[in-house]
């Protein structure tokens, strides 16, 4: 049985995004993982891109490992997808390893982004580094 209007809308939006982005970007942009703020966090970082988009990342650290991560962003599809993927990548990662996560690793996990959209991965990495630095401070 087919879903309701919202499911149809999501599928149509994914189809539009697939014309420019990978399936992974379309999926994470339309149905982002961990897109919410976090109470009781261990570290928080907020970064702004050159075009004015914002991303905030919260992390919860237990025994030196990222137990949970979440994000919010007012950005477009590439930024939302990157924030979603970053919060998934860092789960169960040692703090030092999370601090070293790079833009290329995020781009690879997204299946790539067009050059004019790579700021999304950079924004997510900057916010993550700030969250780790906040935890370490």
N, C-alpha and C. Protein backbone atom coordinates (compact mmCIF):
# COMPACT_ATOMS: atom_id res chain seq x y z
N UNK A 1 0.84 -1.18 0.00
CA UNK A 1 0.00 0.00 0.00
C UNK A 1 0.89 1.24 0.00
N UNK A 2 0.52 2.21 -0.76
CA UNK A 2 1.28 3.45 -0.89
C UNK A 2 1.06 4.32 0.34
N UNK A 3 2.09 5.10 0.69
CA UNK A 3 1.98 5.99 1.83
C UNK A 3 1.10 7.18 1.54
N UNK A 4 1.01 8.05 2.50
CA UNK A 4 0.18 9.23 2.38
C UNK A 4 0.88 10.34 1.62
N UNK A 5 0.27 11.51 1.68
CA UNK A 5 0.77 12.67 0.95
C UNK A 5 2.20 13.03 1.34
N UNK A 6 2.53 12.92 2.61
CA UNK A 6 3.89 13.25 3.05
C UNK A 6 4.91 12.30 2.44
N UNK A 7 4.59 11.02 2.39
CA UNK A 7 5.50 10.05 1.77
C UNK A 7 5.69 10.35 0.28
N UNK A 8 4.63 10.71 -0.39
CA UNK A 8 4.71 11.05 -1.81
C UNK A 8 5.58 12.30 -1.99
N UNK A 9 5.37 13.29 -1.15
CA UNK A 9 6.18 14.51 -1.20
C UNK A 9 7.65 14.19 -1.01
N UNK A 10 7.97 13.37 0.00
CA UNK A 10 9.38 13.00 0.26
C UNK A 10 9.99 12.31 -0.95
N UNK A 11 9.27 11.39 -1.55
CA UNK A 11 9.79 10.67 -2.71
C UNK A 11 10.01 11.61 -3.89
N UNK A 12 9.09 12.53 -4.10
CA UNK A 12 9.25 13.51 -5.18
C UNK A 12 10.44 14.42 -4.93
N UNK A 13 10.63 14.83 -3.69
CA UNK A 13 11.77 15.68 -3.34
C UNK A 13 13.08 14.93 -3.54
N UNK A 14 13.12 13.68 -3.12
CA UNK A 14 14.32 12.86 -3.35
C UNK A 14 14.62 12.74 -4.84
N UNK A 15 13.59 12.54 -5.64
CA UNK A 15 13.79 12.42 -7.09
C UNK A 15 14.38 13.70 -7.66
N UNK A 16 13.92 14.84 -7.20
CA UNK A 16 14.49 16.11 -7.65
C UNK A 16 15.95 16.25 -7.23
N UNK A 17 16.24 15.90 -5.99
CA UNK A 17 17.61 16.02 -5.48
C UNK A 17 18.57 15.07 -6.20
N UNK A 18 18.08 13.88 -6.58
CA UNK A 18 18.92 12.90 -7.29
C UNK A 18 19.40 13.42 -8.64
N UNK A 19 18.76 14.43 -9.18
CA UNK A 19 19.20 15.00 -10.45
C UNK A 19 20.53 15.74 -10.31
N UNK A 20 20.84 16.15 -9.08
CA UNK A 20 22.07 16.91 -8.84
C UNK A 20 23.01 16.22 -7.85
N UNK A 21 22.45 15.44 -6.95
CA UNK A 21 23.22 14.84 -5.86
C UNK A 21 23.09 13.32 -5.86
N UNK A 22 23.93 12.68 -5.07
CA UNK A 22 23.90 11.23 -4.93
C UNK A 22 22.64 10.79 -4.18
N UNK A 23 22.37 9.51 -4.27
CA UNK A 23 21.25 8.91 -3.53
C UNK A 23 21.42 9.14 -2.03
N UNK A 24 22.65 9.06 -1.55
CA UNK A 24 22.92 9.25 -0.12
C UNK A 24 22.57 10.67 0.30
N UNK A 25 22.96 11.65 -0.49
CA UNK A 25 22.64 13.05 -0.18
C UNK A 25 21.13 13.24 -0.18
N UNK A 26 20.46 12.71 -1.21
CA UNK A 26 19.00 12.85 -1.28
C UNK A 26 18.33 12.25 -0.05
N UNK A 27 18.77 11.07 0.33
CA UNK A 27 18.18 10.38 1.50
C UNK A 27 18.39 11.18 2.79
N UNK A 28 19.62 11.60 3.03
CA UNK A 28 19.93 12.31 4.27
C UNK A 28 19.36 13.73 4.29
N UNK A 29 19.20 14.34 3.13
CA UNK A 29 18.63 15.70 3.08
C UNK A 29 17.13 15.68 3.36
N UNK A 30 16.45 14.67 2.86
CA UNK A 30 15.00 14.59 3.02
C UNK A 30 14.61 13.95 4.35
N UNK A 31 15.39 12.97 4.78
CA UNK A 31 15.11 12.28 6.04
C UNK A 31 16.38 12.25 6.89
N UNK A 32 16.79 13.43 7.38
CA UNK A 32 18.03 13.51 8.13
C UNK A 32 17.98 12.72 9.44
N UNK A 33 19.11 12.16 9.79
CA UNK A 33 19.26 11.45 11.06
C UNK A 33 19.74 12.46 12.10
N UNK A 34 19.25 12.32 13.31
CA UNK A 34 19.75 13.08 14.47
C UNK A 34 19.62 14.59 14.32
N UNK A 35 18.60 15.05 13.61
CA UNK A 35 18.42 16.50 13.43
C UNK A 35 17.52 17.02 14.55
N UNK A 36 18.16 17.36 15.66
CA UNK A 36 17.48 17.90 16.83
C UNK A 36 18.54 18.43 17.78
N UNK A 37 18.13 19.28 18.69
CA UNK A 37 19.11 19.69 19.69
C UNK A 37 19.20 18.60 20.75
N UNK A 38 20.18 18.71 21.63
CA UNK A 38 20.44 17.67 22.61
C UNK A 38 20.57 18.30 23.99
N UNK A 39 19.78 17.83 24.91
CA UNK A 39 19.96 18.25 26.29
C UNK A 39 21.03 17.39 26.95
N UNK A 40 21.67 17.90 27.96
CA UNK A 40 22.68 17.13 28.69
C UNK A 40 23.87 16.75 27.84
N UNK A 41 24.24 17.61 26.93
CA UNK A 41 25.36 17.33 26.02
C UNK A 41 26.71 17.55 26.72
N UNK A 42 27.74 16.97 26.13
CA UNK A 42 29.11 17.14 26.63
C UNK A 42 29.85 18.25 25.90
N UNK A 43 29.49 18.47 24.63
CA UNK A 43 30.13 19.51 23.84
C UNK A 43 29.17 20.06 22.80
N UNK A 44 29.36 21.34 22.49
CA UNK A 44 28.48 22.02 21.53
C UNK A 44 29.32 22.92 20.65
N UNK A 45 29.05 22.89 19.34
CA UNK A 45 29.74 23.77 18.42
C UNK A 45 28.78 24.33 17.40
N UNK A 46 29.01 25.57 17.02
CA UNK A 46 28.18 26.20 16.00
C UNK A 46 29.09 26.89 14.99
N UNK A 47 28.84 26.65 13.73
CA UNK A 47 29.68 27.21 12.66
C UNK A 47 28.77 27.85 11.62
N UNK A 48 29.35 28.82 10.91
CA UNK A 48 28.64 29.51 9.84
C UNK A 48 29.47 29.43 8.57
N UNK A 49 28.81 29.19 7.46
CA UNK A 49 29.51 29.12 6.18
C UNK A 49 29.66 30.51 5.59
N UNK A 50 30.44 30.61 4.53
CA UNK A 50 30.64 31.88 3.85
C UNK A 50 29.36 32.44 3.23
N UNK A 51 28.39 31.57 2.97
CA UNK A 51 27.13 32.05 2.39
C UNK A 51 26.06 32.28 3.47
N UNK A 52 26.47 32.21 4.74
CA UNK A 52 25.57 32.55 5.84
C UNK A 52 24.79 31.39 6.43
N UNK A 53 24.96 30.18 5.93
CA UNK A 53 24.26 29.04 6.52
C UNK A 53 24.92 28.66 7.84
N UNK A 54 24.11 28.17 8.76
CA UNK A 54 24.56 27.84 10.10
C UNK A 54 24.35 26.35 10.36
N UNK A 55 25.27 25.79 11.17
CA UNK A 55 25.08 24.43 11.66
C UNK A 55 25.55 24.37 13.11
N UNK A 56 24.75 23.73 13.92
CA UNK A 56 25.10 23.47 15.32
C UNK A 56 25.19 21.96 15.49
N UNK A 57 26.20 21.52 16.22
CA UNK A 57 26.36 20.09 16.53
C UNK A 57 26.54 19.93 18.03
N UNK A 58 25.82 18.95 18.58
CA UNK A 58 25.93 18.57 19.98
C UNK A 58 26.52 17.17 20.02
N UNK A 59 27.39 16.92 20.99
CA UNK A 59 27.92 15.57 21.19
C UNK A 59 27.78 15.19 22.66
N UNK A 60 27.58 13.90 22.87
CA UNK A 60 27.57 13.35 24.23
C UNK A 60 28.70 12.34 24.29
N UNK A 61 29.61 12.56 25.22
CA UNK A 61 30.79 11.70 25.35
C UNK A 61 30.66 10.82 26.58
N UNK A 62 30.91 9.54 26.40
CA UNK A 62 30.94 8.59 27.51
C UNK A 62 32.22 7.77 27.40
N UNK A 63 33.04 7.80 28.45
CA UNK A 63 34.29 7.04 28.49
C UNK A 63 35.18 7.32 27.29
N UNK A 64 35.26 8.60 26.90
CA UNK A 64 36.16 9.00 25.82
C UNK A 64 35.66 8.69 24.42
N UNK A 65 34.40 8.29 24.31
CA UNK A 65 33.84 7.91 23.03
C UNK A 65 32.55 8.71 22.78
N UNK A 66 32.32 9.08 21.52
CA UNK A 66 31.08 9.78 21.18
C UNK A 66 29.93 8.78 21.26
N UNK A 67 29.09 8.96 22.27
CA UNK A 67 27.95 8.07 22.46
C UNK A 67 26.76 8.51 21.62
N UNK A 68 26.65 9.81 21.39
CA UNK A 68 25.54 10.35 20.59
C UNK A 68 25.95 11.69 20.01
N UNK A 69 25.35 12.03 18.88
CA UNK A 69 25.58 13.33 18.25
C UNK A 69 24.29 13.75 17.57
N UNK A 70 24.04 15.05 17.57
CA UNK A 70 22.89 15.58 16.86
C UNK A 70 23.25 16.93 16.26
N UNK A 71 22.39 17.42 15.37
CA UNK A 71 22.69 18.69 14.72
C UNK A 71 21.40 19.41 14.36
N UNK A 72 21.54 20.69 14.11
CA UNK A 72 20.51 21.49 13.46
C UNK A 72 21.20 22.36 12.43
N UNK A 73 20.47 22.73 11.41
CA UNK A 73 21.03 23.60 10.38
C UNK A 73 19.90 24.35 9.69
N UNK A 74 20.20 25.58 9.31
CA UNK A 74 19.25 26.34 8.49
C UNK A 74 19.68 26.28 7.03
N UNK A 75 20.57 25.36 6.73
CA UNK A 75 21.14 25.26 5.40
C UNK A 75 20.28 24.49 4.42
N UNK A 76 20.79 24.43 3.21
CA UNK A 76 20.13 23.72 2.12
C UNK A 76 20.50 22.23 2.17
N UNK A 77 20.03 21.48 1.19
CA UNK A 77 20.19 20.03 1.16
C UNK A 77 21.62 19.55 1.43
N UNK A 78 22.67 20.14 0.82
CA UNK A 78 24.02 19.63 1.08
C UNK A 78 24.44 19.77 2.54
N UNK A 79 24.08 20.86 3.17
CA UNK A 79 24.44 21.06 4.58
C UNK A 79 23.67 20.11 5.48
N UNK A 80 22.39 19.96 5.22
CA UNK A 80 21.57 19.05 6.04
C UNK A 80 22.07 17.62 5.89
N UNK A 81 22.35 17.20 4.67
CA UNK A 81 22.87 15.85 4.45
C UNK A 81 24.21 15.66 5.15
N UNK A 82 25.08 16.64 5.06
CA UNK A 82 26.40 16.55 5.70
C UNK A 82 26.27 16.47 7.22
N UNK A 83 25.41 17.28 7.81
CA UNK A 83 25.19 17.22 9.26
C UNK A 83 24.68 15.86 9.68
N UNK A 84 23.75 15.33 8.92
CA UNK A 84 23.19 14.01 9.20
C UNK A 84 24.27 12.93 9.14
N UNK A 85 25.05 12.95 8.07
CA UNK A 85 26.10 11.93 7.90
C UNK A 85 27.17 12.06 8.98
N UNK A 86 27.57 13.28 9.32
CA UNK A 86 28.58 13.47 10.36
C UNK A 86 28.12 12.88 11.69
N UNK A 87 26.86 13.12 12.05
CA UNK A 87 26.38 12.58 13.34
C UNK A 87 26.35 11.06 13.33
N UNK A 88 26.17 10.47 12.17
CA UNK A 88 26.21 9.01 12.07
C UNK A 88 27.66 8.50 12.10
N UNK A 89 28.55 9.19 11.40
CA UNK A 89 29.95 8.76 11.33
C UNK A 89 30.64 8.77 12.69
N UNK A 90 30.34 9.77 13.52
CA UNK A 90 31.10 9.91 14.77
C UNK A 90 30.60 9.04 15.91
N UNK A 91 29.44 8.43 15.76
CA UNK A 91 28.95 7.55 16.82
C UNK A 91 29.95 6.43 17.05
N UNK A 92 30.26 6.21 18.31
CA UNK A 92 31.21 5.17 18.75
C UNK A 92 32.65 5.46 18.36
N UNK A 93 32.95 6.69 17.99
CA UNK A 93 34.30 7.10 17.64
C UNK A 93 34.98 7.69 18.87
N UNK A 94 36.26 7.43 19.04
CA UNK A 94 37.03 8.08 20.11
C UNK A 94 37.02 9.58 19.87
N UNK A 95 37.08 10.36 20.94
CA UNK A 95 37.02 11.81 20.84
C UNK A 95 38.12 12.33 19.91
N UNK A 96 39.34 11.85 20.08
CA UNK A 96 40.46 12.32 19.23
C UNK A 96 40.21 12.01 17.77
N UNK A 97 39.64 10.86 17.48
CA UNK A 97 39.34 10.47 16.10
C UNK A 97 38.24 11.37 15.53
N UNK A 98 37.22 11.66 16.34
CA UNK A 98 36.13 12.56 15.90
C UNK A 98 36.68 13.94 15.59
N UNK A 99 37.64 14.39 16.40
CA UNK A 99 38.24 15.72 16.21
C UNK A 99 38.98 15.80 14.87
N UNK A 100 39.47 14.67 14.38
CA UNK A 100 40.25 14.64 13.15
C UNK A 100 39.41 14.32 11.91
N UNK A 101 38.12 14.08 12.07
CA UNK A 101 37.29 13.80 10.90
C UNK A 101 37.42 14.96 9.91
N UNK A 102 37.66 14.63 8.66
CA UNK A 102 37.91 15.67 7.68
C UNK A 102 36.82 15.81 6.64
N UNK A 103 36.88 16.92 5.93
CA UNK A 103 35.89 17.21 4.90
C UNK A 103 35.84 16.11 3.85
N UNK A 104 36.99 15.60 3.43
CA UNK A 104 37.00 14.57 2.38
C UNK A 104 36.31 13.30 2.84
N UNK A 105 36.47 12.93 4.11
CA UNK A 105 35.78 11.75 4.63
C UNK A 105 34.26 11.93 4.57
N UNK A 106 33.81 13.13 4.87
CA UNK A 106 32.38 13.43 4.81
C UNK A 106 31.91 13.41 3.36
N UNK A 107 32.67 14.02 2.47
CA UNK A 107 32.32 14.00 1.05
C UNK A 107 32.24 12.56 0.53
N UNK A 108 33.19 11.73 0.93
CA UNK A 108 33.18 10.33 0.51
C UNK A 108 31.94 9.61 1.03
N UNK A 109 31.60 9.86 2.30
CA UNK A 109 30.42 9.21 2.89
C UNK A 109 29.13 9.66 2.21
N UNK A 110 29.12 10.88 1.68
CA UNK A 110 27.96 11.40 0.98
C UNK A 110 27.89 10.94 -0.47
N UNK A 111 28.92 10.28 -0.94
CA UNK A 111 28.96 9.91 -2.35
C UNK A 111 29.33 11.09 -3.23
N UNK A 112 30.00 12.09 -2.61
CA UNK A 112 30.45 13.28 -3.32
C UNK A 112 29.40 14.38 -3.33
N UNK A 113 29.88 15.58 -3.59
CA UNK A 113 29.03 16.75 -3.77
C UNK A 113 29.63 17.59 -4.89
N UNK A 114 28.79 18.27 -5.66
CA UNK A 114 29.33 19.20 -6.65
C UNK A 114 30.20 20.25 -5.94
N UNK A 115 31.17 20.78 -6.65
CA UNK A 115 32.11 21.72 -6.04
C UNK A 115 31.42 22.88 -5.34
N UNK A 116 30.36 23.40 -5.95
CA UNK A 116 29.68 24.55 -5.35
C UNK A 116 28.81 24.19 -4.14
N UNK A 117 28.75 22.91 -3.80
CA UNK A 117 27.98 22.45 -2.64
C UNK A 117 28.84 21.85 -1.55
N UNK A 118 30.16 21.79 -1.76
CA UNK A 118 31.04 21.14 -0.79
C UNK A 118 31.15 21.90 0.52
N UNK A 119 30.69 23.15 0.53
CA UNK A 119 30.67 23.92 1.78
C UNK A 119 29.87 23.19 2.86
N UNK A 120 28.87 22.38 2.46
CA UNK A 120 28.06 21.66 3.44
C UNK A 120 28.90 20.73 4.29
N UNK A 121 29.81 20.00 3.65
CA UNK A 121 30.71 19.10 4.38
C UNK A 121 31.66 19.89 5.26
N UNK A 122 32.18 20.98 4.73
CA UNK A 122 33.09 21.83 5.51
C UNK A 122 32.38 22.40 6.74
N UNK A 123 31.16 22.84 6.57
CA UNK A 123 30.39 23.40 7.67
C UNK A 123 30.17 22.37 8.77
N UNK A 124 29.82 21.16 8.40
CA UNK A 124 29.59 20.10 9.38
C UNK A 124 30.87 19.76 10.14
N UNK A 125 31.99 19.68 9.42
CA UNK A 125 33.28 19.37 10.05
C UNK A 125 33.69 20.48 11.02
N UNK A 126 33.50 21.74 10.62
CA UNK A 126 33.82 22.86 11.51
C UNK A 126 32.99 22.82 12.79
N UNK A 127 31.70 22.59 12.65
CA UNK A 127 30.83 22.53 13.83
C UNK A 127 31.22 21.36 14.74
N UNK A 128 31.56 20.22 14.14
CA UNK A 128 31.99 19.06 14.94
C UNK A 128 33.28 19.40 15.71
N UNK A 129 34.26 19.97 15.03
CA UNK A 129 35.52 20.32 15.70
C UNK A 129 35.28 21.28 16.87
N UNK A 130 34.38 22.22 16.69
CA UNK A 130 34.05 23.17 17.76
C UNK A 130 33.37 22.45 18.92
N UNK A 131 32.53 21.48 18.62
CA UNK A 131 31.87 20.71 19.68
C UNK A 131 32.89 19.88 20.47
N UNK A 132 33.83 19.26 19.76
CA UNK A 132 34.87 18.48 20.44
C UNK A 132 35.75 19.41 21.28
N UNK A 133 36.12 20.56 20.71
CA UNK A 133 36.93 21.52 21.45
C UNK A 133 36.20 22.01 22.71
N UNK A 134 34.90 22.22 22.59
CA UNK A 134 34.10 22.62 23.75
C UNK A 134 34.16 21.55 24.83
N UNK A 135 34.05 20.29 24.43
CA UNK A 135 34.13 19.18 25.38
C UNK A 135 35.51 19.12 26.04
N UNK A 136 36.54 19.34 25.27
CA UNK A 136 37.92 19.25 25.78
C UNK A 136 38.33 20.44 26.64
N UNK A 137 37.62 21.56 26.52
CA UNK A 137 37.98 22.79 27.23
C UNK A 137 37.79 22.66 28.74
